[in-house]
N, C-alpha and C. Protein backbone atom coordinates (compact mmCIF):
# COMPACT_ATOMS: atom_id res chain seq x y z
N MET A 1 -41.74 -5.61 -12.50
CA MET A 1 -40.85 -4.46 -12.57
C MET A 1 -39.76 -4.73 -13.68
N LYS A 2 -39.39 -3.57 -14.28
CA LYS A 2 -38.45 -3.72 -15.41
C LYS A 2 -37.06 -4.14 -14.93
N PRO A 3 -36.27 -5.06 -15.64
CA PRO A 3 -35.01 -5.38 -15.15
C PRO A 3 -34.16 -4.38 -14.87
N TRP A 4 -33.87 -3.30 -15.46
CA TRP A 4 -33.07 -2.20 -15.39
C TRP A 4 -33.39 -1.43 -14.02
N ILE A 5 -34.57 -1.42 -13.61
CA ILE A 5 -35.08 -0.80 -12.42
C ILE A 5 -34.68 -1.72 -11.19
N LYS A 6 -34.88 -2.94 -11.38
CA LYS A 6 -34.41 -3.91 -10.37
C LYS A 6 -32.89 -3.88 -10.20
N ARG A 7 -32.20 -3.84 -11.21
CA ARG A 7 -30.68 -3.83 -11.14
C ARG A 7 -30.33 -2.51 -10.37
N SER A 8 -30.91 -1.35 -10.90
CA SER A 8 -30.61 -0.12 -10.29
C SER A 8 -30.91 -0.17 -8.67
N LEU A 9 -31.99 -0.60 -8.25
CA LEU A 9 -32.34 -0.68 -6.89
C LEU A 9 -31.40 -1.69 -6.14
N PHE A 10 -31.13 -2.76 -6.75
CA PHE A 10 -30.17 -3.74 -6.03
C PHE A 10 -28.78 -3.09 -5.87
N GLY A 11 -28.28 -2.38 -7.01
CA GLY A 11 -27.08 -1.72 -6.95
C GLY A 11 -27.15 -0.66 -5.83
N PHE A 12 -28.14 0.14 -5.78
CA PHE A 12 -28.22 1.24 -4.76
C PHE A 12 -28.36 0.73 -3.39
N ALA A 13 -29.04 -0.48 -3.20
CA ALA A 13 -29.06 -1.02 -1.83
C ALA A 13 -27.70 -1.58 -1.58
N GLY A 14 -26.98 -2.44 -2.43
CA GLY A 14 -25.73 -2.81 -2.20
C GLY A 14 -24.65 -1.77 -1.79
N ALA A 15 -24.64 -0.67 -2.61
CA ALA A 15 -23.75 0.41 -2.31
C ALA A 15 -24.15 1.02 -0.96
N ALA A 16 -25.40 1.24 -0.61
CA ALA A 16 -25.75 1.93 0.53
C ALA A 16 -25.35 1.00 1.72
N ILE A 17 -25.43 -0.34 1.52
CA ILE A 17 -24.98 -1.29 2.76
C ILE A 17 -23.51 -1.06 2.96
N VAL A 18 -22.74 -1.23 1.84
CA VAL A 18 -21.33 -1.11 1.90
C VAL A 18 -20.91 0.30 2.58
N ALA A 19 -21.43 1.24 2.03
CA ALA A 19 -21.12 2.55 2.58
C ALA A 19 -21.62 2.84 4.04
N GLY A 20 -22.80 2.31 4.42
CA GLY A 20 -23.25 2.37 5.75
C GLY A 20 -22.44 1.51 6.64
N SER A 21 -22.02 0.43 6.23
CA SER A 21 -21.11 -0.51 6.99
C SER A 21 -19.84 0.10 7.29
N LEU A 22 -19.05 0.72 6.29
CA LEU A 22 -17.86 1.41 6.53
C LEU A 22 -18.11 2.61 7.48
N GLY A 23 -19.09 3.38 7.23
CA GLY A 23 -19.40 4.56 8.16
C GLY A 23 -19.77 4.08 9.51
N GLY A 24 -20.45 3.00 9.73
CA GLY A 24 -20.74 2.48 11.05
C GLY A 24 -19.59 1.95 11.70
N CYS A 25 -18.70 1.40 11.09
CA CYS A 25 -17.55 0.86 11.59
C CYS A 25 -16.58 2.02 12.14
N ALA A 26 -16.63 3.00 11.25
CA ALA A 26 -15.70 4.11 11.48
C ALA A 26 -16.17 4.86 12.73
N ALA A 27 -17.45 5.06 12.80
CA ALA A 27 -18.01 5.71 13.98
C ALA A 27 -17.79 4.96 15.28
N HIS A 28 -18.17 3.62 15.16
CA HIS A 28 -18.12 2.84 16.37
C HIS A 28 -16.78 2.55 16.88
N ARG A 29 -15.82 2.17 15.98
CA ARG A 29 -14.46 1.73 16.32
C ARG A 29 -13.53 2.93 16.85
N TRP A 30 -13.67 4.04 16.08
CA TRP A 30 -12.71 5.05 16.35
C TRP A 30 -13.36 6.45 16.63
N GLY A 31 -14.54 6.30 17.11
CA GLY A 31 -15.31 7.47 17.64
C GLY A 31 -15.61 8.50 16.52
N GLY A 32 -15.85 7.96 15.36
CA GLY A 32 -16.24 8.86 14.15
C GLY A 32 -15.16 9.83 13.78
N GLY A 33 -13.94 9.48 13.95
CA GLY A 33 -12.70 10.19 13.68
C GLY A 33 -12.55 10.39 12.09
N ASP A 34 -11.38 10.68 11.90
CA ASP A 34 -10.98 10.97 10.44
C ASP A 34 -11.13 9.80 9.54
N PRO A 35 -11.82 9.92 8.46
CA PRO A 35 -12.09 8.78 7.60
C PRO A 35 -10.73 8.23 6.94
N ALA A 36 -9.95 9.12 6.71
CA ALA A 36 -8.53 8.60 6.10
C ALA A 36 -7.72 7.85 7.13
N GLU A 37 -7.79 8.24 8.48
CA GLU A 37 -7.12 7.38 9.44
C GLU A 37 -7.77 6.13 9.71
N PHE A 38 -9.14 5.97 9.53
CA PHE A 38 -9.89 4.74 9.48
C PHE A 38 -9.35 3.78 8.48
N ARG A 39 -9.34 4.33 7.21
CA ARG A 39 -9.07 3.52 6.03
C ARG A 39 -7.63 3.07 6.17
N ALA A 40 -6.76 3.93 6.66
CA ALA A 40 -5.38 3.44 6.92
C ALA A 40 -5.40 2.24 7.90
N LYS A 41 -5.99 2.37 8.88
CA LYS A 41 -6.12 1.30 10.03
C LYS A 41 -6.55 0.09 9.38
N MET A 42 -7.65 0.17 8.66
CA MET A 42 -8.28 -1.02 7.95
C MET A 42 -7.31 -1.65 7.00
N VAL A 43 -6.51 -0.84 6.24
CA VAL A 43 -5.68 -1.38 5.24
C VAL A 43 -4.50 -2.05 6.08
N GLU A 44 -4.02 -1.62 7.10
CA GLU A 44 -2.96 -2.20 7.77
C GLU A 44 -3.49 -3.53 8.48
N ARG A 45 -4.82 -3.51 8.95
CA ARG A 45 -5.41 -4.70 9.71
C ARG A 45 -5.52 -5.84 8.54
N ILE A 46 -6.17 -5.31 7.47
CA ILE A 46 -6.43 -6.41 6.36
C ILE A 46 -5.12 -6.95 5.77
N GLY A 47 -4.15 -5.84 5.72
CA GLY A 47 -2.75 -6.20 5.18
C GLY A 47 -2.15 -7.20 5.96
N GLY A 48 -2.22 -7.27 7.38
CA GLY A 48 -1.55 -8.11 8.30
C GLY A 48 -2.29 -9.58 8.19
N LYS A 49 -3.58 -9.47 8.14
CA LYS A 49 -4.27 -10.76 7.97
C LYS A 49 -4.00 -11.55 6.69
N LEU A 50 -3.81 -10.81 5.67
CA LEU A 50 -3.68 -11.54 4.45
C LEU A 50 -2.21 -11.58 3.97
N ASP A 51 -1.31 -11.05 4.82
CA ASP A 51 0.15 -10.99 4.43
C ASP A 51 0.43 -10.32 3.17
N LEU A 52 -0.16 -9.05 3.03
CA LEU A 52 0.10 -8.43 1.83
C LEU A 52 1.47 -7.79 1.60
N ASP A 53 2.03 -7.66 0.47
CA ASP A 53 3.11 -7.00 0.12
C ASP A 53 2.87 -5.53 0.01
N THR A 54 3.70 -4.64 -0.22
CA THR A 54 3.66 -3.17 -0.40
C THR A 54 2.69 -2.96 -1.59
N VAL A 55 2.92 -3.54 -2.74
CA VAL A 55 2.04 -3.25 -4.00
C VAL A 55 0.53 -3.65 -3.58
N GLN A 56 0.50 -4.75 -2.96
CA GLN A 56 -0.92 -5.22 -2.68
C GLN A 56 -1.61 -4.24 -1.69
N LYS A 57 -0.85 -3.83 -0.72
CA LYS A 57 -1.44 -2.85 0.20
C LYS A 57 -1.92 -1.50 -0.51
N GLN A 58 -1.01 -1.12 -1.50
CA GLN A 58 -1.39 0.17 -2.16
C GLN A 58 -2.69 -0.11 -2.89
N LYS A 59 -2.77 -1.28 -3.59
CA LYS A 59 -4.00 -1.64 -4.33
C LYS A 59 -5.30 -1.69 -3.42
N LEU A 60 -5.01 -2.17 -2.24
CA LEU A 60 -5.98 -2.15 -1.18
C LEU A 60 -6.50 -0.74 -0.70
N ALA A 61 -5.46 0.08 -0.54
CA ALA A 61 -5.65 1.38 -0.01
C ALA A 61 -6.36 2.15 -1.24
N THR A 62 -6.14 1.88 -2.49
CA THR A 62 -6.74 2.40 -3.68
C THR A 62 -8.26 2.04 -3.67
N LEU A 63 -8.61 0.81 -3.34
CA LEU A 63 -9.86 0.27 -3.28
C LEU A 63 -10.66 0.96 -2.11
N ALA A 64 -9.95 1.15 -0.87
CA ALA A 64 -10.53 1.71 0.26
C ALA A 64 -10.84 3.34 0.00
N ASP A 65 -10.05 3.87 -0.75
CA ASP A 65 -10.26 5.39 -1.07
C ASP A 65 -11.32 5.44 -2.12
N LYS A 66 -11.54 4.61 -3.02
CA LYS A 66 -12.66 4.56 -4.03
C LYS A 66 -14.07 4.36 -3.29
N LEU A 67 -13.93 3.46 -2.27
CA LEU A 67 -15.15 3.15 -1.52
C LEU A 67 -15.39 4.36 -0.69
N GLY A 68 -14.51 4.98 -0.09
CA GLY A 68 -14.80 6.16 0.74
C GLY A 68 -15.31 7.31 -0.18
N ALA A 69 -14.88 7.42 -1.38
CA ALA A 69 -15.38 8.50 -2.39
C ALA A 69 -16.71 8.15 -2.73
N GLN A 70 -17.07 6.96 -2.95
CA GLN A 70 -18.39 6.41 -3.29
C GLN A 70 -19.37 6.74 -2.13
N ARG A 71 -18.92 6.44 -0.94
CA ARG A 71 -19.67 6.84 0.34
C ARG A 71 -20.09 8.12 0.42
N ALA A 72 -19.11 9.04 0.14
CA ALA A 72 -19.26 10.49 0.29
C ALA A 72 -20.20 11.00 -0.89
N ALA A 73 -20.08 10.36 -2.08
CA ALA A 73 -21.03 10.71 -3.18
C ALA A 73 -22.40 10.40 -2.84
N MET A 74 -22.58 9.14 -2.26
CA MET A 74 -23.94 8.72 -1.79
C MET A 74 -24.52 9.76 -0.83
N ARG A 75 -23.64 10.09 0.10
CA ARG A 75 -24.14 10.97 1.27
C ARG A 75 -24.43 12.33 0.65
N ASP A 76 -23.67 12.87 -0.27
CA ASP A 76 -23.93 14.20 -0.75
C ASP A 76 -24.85 14.26 -1.96
N ALA A 77 -25.20 13.13 -2.50
CA ALA A 77 -26.33 13.17 -3.49
C ALA A 77 -27.59 13.71 -3.00
N GLY A 78 -28.07 14.66 -3.66
CA GLY A 78 -29.39 15.11 -3.36
C GLY A 78 -29.25 16.43 -2.52
N GLY A 79 -28.08 17.00 -2.38
CA GLY A 79 -27.86 18.32 -1.87
C GLY A 79 -27.59 18.22 -0.24
N ALA A 80 -27.90 19.41 0.44
CA ALA A 80 -27.51 19.54 1.74
C ALA A 80 -28.46 18.82 2.69
N GLY A 81 -28.08 18.63 3.91
CA GLY A 81 -29.01 18.01 4.91
C GLY A 81 -28.72 16.63 5.08
N GLY A 82 -28.10 15.84 4.22
CA GLY A 82 -27.82 14.38 4.50
C GLY A 82 -29.06 13.56 4.23
N THR A 83 -28.89 12.30 4.09
CA THR A 83 -29.80 11.33 3.59
C THR A 83 -30.82 11.17 4.56
N ARG A 84 -30.54 11.23 5.95
CA ARG A 84 -31.49 11.12 6.85
C ARG A 84 -32.62 12.26 6.93
N THR A 85 -32.03 13.49 6.85
CA THR A 85 -32.84 14.68 6.73
C THR A 85 -33.77 14.40 5.41
N GLN A 86 -33.20 14.16 4.34
CA GLN A 86 -34.01 14.11 3.18
C GLN A 86 -35.01 13.08 3.24
N PHE A 87 -34.83 11.85 3.90
CA PHE A 87 -35.68 10.81 4.11
C PHE A 87 -36.78 11.34 5.10
N GLN A 88 -36.48 12.03 6.08
CA GLN A 88 -37.39 12.27 7.07
C GLN A 88 -38.30 13.45 6.45
N SER A 89 -37.85 14.24 5.52
CA SER A 89 -38.68 15.26 4.79
C SER A 89 -39.76 14.74 3.86
N LEU A 90 -39.44 13.38 3.48
CA LEU A 90 -40.48 12.71 2.71
C LEU A 90 -41.84 12.36 3.52
N PHE A 91 -41.79 12.28 4.69
CA PHE A 91 -42.85 11.96 5.60
C PHE A 91 -43.31 13.10 6.42
N ALA A 92 -42.91 14.34 6.00
CA ALA A 92 -43.11 15.55 6.95
C ALA A 92 -44.56 15.82 6.78
N GLY A 93 -45.20 15.69 5.60
CA GLY A 93 -46.69 16.04 5.34
C GLY A 93 -47.53 15.00 5.64
N ASN A 94 -48.85 15.11 5.20
CA ASN A 94 -49.86 14.17 5.46
C ASN A 94 -49.83 13.07 4.54
N LYS A 95 -49.04 13.25 3.54
CA LYS A 95 -48.81 12.05 2.42
C LYS A 95 -47.30 12.02 2.11
N LEU A 96 -47.03 10.85 1.75
CA LEU A 96 -45.57 10.62 1.24
C LEU A 96 -45.37 11.53 0.01
N ASP A 97 -44.19 12.22 0.15
CA ASP A 97 -43.90 12.96 -1.16
C ASP A 97 -43.24 12.04 -2.14
N GLN A 98 -44.06 11.60 -3.00
CA GLN A 98 -43.64 10.57 -3.97
C GLN A 98 -42.63 11.05 -5.01
N SER A 99 -42.88 12.33 -5.46
CA SER A 99 -42.00 12.89 -6.48
C SER A 99 -40.53 13.19 -5.80
N ALA A 100 -40.62 13.55 -4.61
CA ALA A 100 -39.31 13.79 -3.97
C ALA A 100 -38.59 12.56 -3.63
N ALA A 101 -39.40 11.53 -3.27
CA ALA A 101 -38.84 10.11 -3.00
C ALA A 101 -38.22 9.71 -4.23
N SER A 102 -38.85 9.69 -5.47
CA SER A 102 -38.40 9.34 -6.73
C SER A 102 -37.09 10.02 -7.14
N LYS A 103 -37.13 11.33 -6.89
CA LYS A 103 -35.93 12.30 -7.05
C LYS A 103 -34.69 11.82 -6.29
N MET A 104 -35.01 11.43 -4.98
CA MET A 104 -33.99 11.00 -4.19
C MET A 104 -33.37 9.63 -4.63
N VAL A 105 -34.18 8.78 -4.98
CA VAL A 105 -33.77 7.48 -5.47
C VAL A 105 -32.86 7.58 -6.76
N ASP A 106 -33.41 8.43 -7.61
CA ASP A 106 -32.70 8.69 -8.89
C ASP A 106 -31.25 9.34 -8.64
N GLU A 107 -31.22 10.29 -7.65
CA GLU A 107 -29.86 10.93 -7.40
C GLU A 107 -29.03 9.96 -6.73
N LYS A 108 -29.47 9.11 -5.82
CA LYS A 108 -28.63 8.12 -5.27
C LYS A 108 -28.25 7.03 -6.24
N THR A 109 -29.08 6.67 -7.16
CA THR A 109 -28.78 5.65 -8.19
C THR A 109 -27.74 6.19 -9.11
N ALA A 110 -27.92 7.52 -9.43
CA ALA A 110 -26.97 8.12 -10.36
C ALA A 110 -25.59 8.08 -9.73
N ALA A 111 -25.60 8.39 -8.44
CA ALA A 111 -24.20 8.40 -7.69
C ALA A 111 -23.59 7.08 -7.76
N VAL A 112 -24.43 5.94 -7.50
CA VAL A 112 -24.00 4.69 -7.52
C VAL A 112 -23.43 4.21 -9.07
N ARG A 113 -24.26 4.61 -9.98
CA ARG A 113 -23.90 4.33 -11.45
C ARG A 113 -22.57 4.96 -11.72
N THR A 114 -22.32 6.22 -11.22
CA THR A 114 -21.18 6.92 -11.61
C THR A 114 -19.84 6.47 -11.05
N GLY A 115 -20.02 5.96 -9.71
CA GLY A 115 -18.83 5.56 -8.99
C GLY A 115 -18.59 3.99 -9.14
N SER A 116 -19.62 3.18 -9.52
CA SER A 116 -19.45 1.76 -9.67
C SER A 116 -18.25 1.29 -10.50
N PRO A 117 -18.00 1.82 -11.69
CA PRO A 117 -17.05 1.28 -12.57
C PRO A 117 -15.63 1.56 -11.84
N ASP A 118 -15.28 2.59 -11.14
CA ASP A 118 -14.10 2.75 -10.52
C ASP A 118 -13.89 1.66 -9.41
N ILE A 119 -14.88 1.52 -8.74
CA ILE A 119 -14.78 0.56 -7.50
C ILE A 119 -14.62 -0.87 -8.12
N ILE A 120 -15.37 -1.23 -9.17
CA ILE A 120 -15.16 -2.54 -9.86
C ILE A 120 -13.63 -2.67 -10.27
N VAL A 121 -13.25 -1.70 -10.83
CA VAL A 121 -11.76 -1.81 -11.53
C VAL A 121 -10.82 -1.97 -10.31
N ALA A 122 -10.95 -1.14 -9.23
CA ALA A 122 -10.13 -1.09 -8.05
C ALA A 122 -10.10 -2.46 -7.35
N ALA A 123 -11.43 -3.10 -7.17
CA ALA A 123 -11.59 -4.38 -6.59
C ALA A 123 -11.04 -5.33 -7.44
N ALA A 124 -11.21 -5.33 -8.70
CA ALA A 124 -10.53 -6.39 -9.53
C ALA A 124 -9.00 -6.25 -9.60
N ASP A 125 -8.47 -5.09 -9.61
CA ASP A 125 -7.07 -4.90 -9.51
C ASP A 125 -6.47 -5.43 -8.24
N PHE A 126 -7.19 -5.26 -7.04
CA PHE A 126 -6.66 -5.75 -5.85
C PHE A 126 -6.79 -7.37 -5.69
N PHE A 127 -7.97 -7.76 -6.01
CA PHE A 127 -8.28 -9.23 -5.92
C PHE A 127 -7.28 -10.02 -7.03
N ASP A 128 -7.23 -9.61 -8.13
CA ASP A 128 -6.52 -10.24 -9.18
C ASP A 128 -5.12 -10.34 -8.88
N ASN A 129 -4.46 -9.38 -8.06
CA ASN A 129 -3.08 -9.47 -7.70
C ASN A 129 -2.73 -10.20 -6.44
N LEU A 130 -3.70 -10.90 -5.82
CA LEU A 130 -3.54 -11.74 -4.64
C LEU A 130 -3.11 -13.06 -5.09
N ASN A 131 -2.33 -13.71 -4.29
CA ASN A 131 -1.96 -15.13 -4.65
C ASN A 131 -3.11 -16.08 -4.36
N PRO A 132 -3.12 -17.28 -4.75
CA PRO A 132 -4.22 -18.11 -4.54
C PRO A 132 -4.63 -18.35 -3.10
N ALA A 133 -3.73 -18.41 -2.21
CA ALA A 133 -3.98 -18.56 -0.75
C ALA A 133 -4.59 -17.25 -0.14
N GLN A 134 -4.14 -16.11 -0.58
CA GLN A 134 -4.90 -14.88 -0.08
C GLN A 134 -6.18 -14.82 -0.75
N GLN A 135 -6.38 -15.19 -1.88
CA GLN A 135 -7.81 -15.14 -2.45
C GLN A 135 -8.62 -16.12 -1.66
N ALA A 136 -8.17 -17.25 -1.31
CA ALA A 136 -8.92 -18.24 -0.59
C ALA A 136 -9.42 -17.63 0.81
N LYS A 137 -8.41 -16.86 1.38
CA LYS A 137 -8.76 -16.14 2.70
C LYS A 137 -9.95 -15.20 2.53
N VAL A 138 -9.84 -14.37 1.47
CA VAL A 138 -10.90 -13.40 1.15
C VAL A 138 -12.21 -14.07 0.98
N ARG A 139 -12.21 -15.16 0.03
CA ARG A 139 -13.34 -15.95 -0.18
C ARG A 139 -14.08 -16.55 1.16
N GLU A 140 -13.12 -17.06 1.96
CA GLU A 140 -13.63 -17.50 3.35
C GLU A 140 -14.34 -16.44 4.18
N PHE A 141 -13.54 -15.35 4.12
CA PHE A 141 -14.13 -14.27 4.92
C PHE A 141 -15.57 -13.71 4.36
N MET A 142 -15.73 -13.79 3.02
CA MET A 142 -16.97 -13.38 2.35
C MET A 142 -18.04 -14.50 2.78
N GLN A 143 -17.63 -15.76 2.76
CA GLN A 143 -18.59 -16.71 2.97
C GLN A 143 -19.14 -16.71 4.59
N ARG A 144 -18.29 -16.15 5.41
CA ARG A 144 -18.82 -15.95 6.86
C ARG A 144 -19.61 -14.78 6.95
N GLY A 145 -19.89 -14.12 5.91
CA GLY A 145 -20.70 -12.86 5.95
C GLY A 145 -19.92 -11.64 6.41
N GLY A 146 -18.78 -11.65 6.36
CA GLY A 146 -17.88 -10.49 6.73
C GLY A 146 -17.54 -10.43 8.17
N ARG A 147 -17.93 -11.66 9.02
CA ARG A 147 -17.49 -11.55 10.45
C ARG A 147 -16.09 -11.58 10.53
N ARG A 148 -15.54 -11.45 11.73
CA ARG A 148 -14.10 -11.19 11.98
C ARG A 148 -13.19 -12.27 11.37
N TRP A 149 -12.02 -11.77 11.08
CA TRP A 149 -11.05 -12.66 10.62
C TRP A 149 -10.48 -13.46 11.63
N ARG A 150 -10.17 -14.69 11.42
CA ARG A 150 -9.67 -15.50 12.48
C ARG A 150 -8.21 -15.74 12.07
N SER A 151 -7.19 -15.68 12.95
CA SER A 151 -5.91 -15.83 12.69
C SER A 151 -5.54 -17.32 12.40
């Protein structure tokens, strides 16, 4: 497989996992309520765990907004009906609709490619403005695979 195809597929998979995780948490924790309310609660919770100041919280909120926009772009890529409906339609006939599958992957990949630079900049802006102790807490959280923060 060509390297750019692998990178695109890994990027797509990574973004889908992040978007799905955020969406799953939002639906599970707060009954699928307002995404902006969910992001605000997460910013406050993470801000409390990391002892963020006001500027750092603003940078985290910007990152959360960019991730939410990326999730919406992924969900909306490919038109109406949502990803689940699009995926189910691929298997509706006697054979897998390969051209529609390729088109769906291309649309989702394009959405990731378009939104990724903004997310990278926002993530770097947030992380680079943390002090070393806060950065260590973020690294520790990531090493545990994203499991809950410990006080």
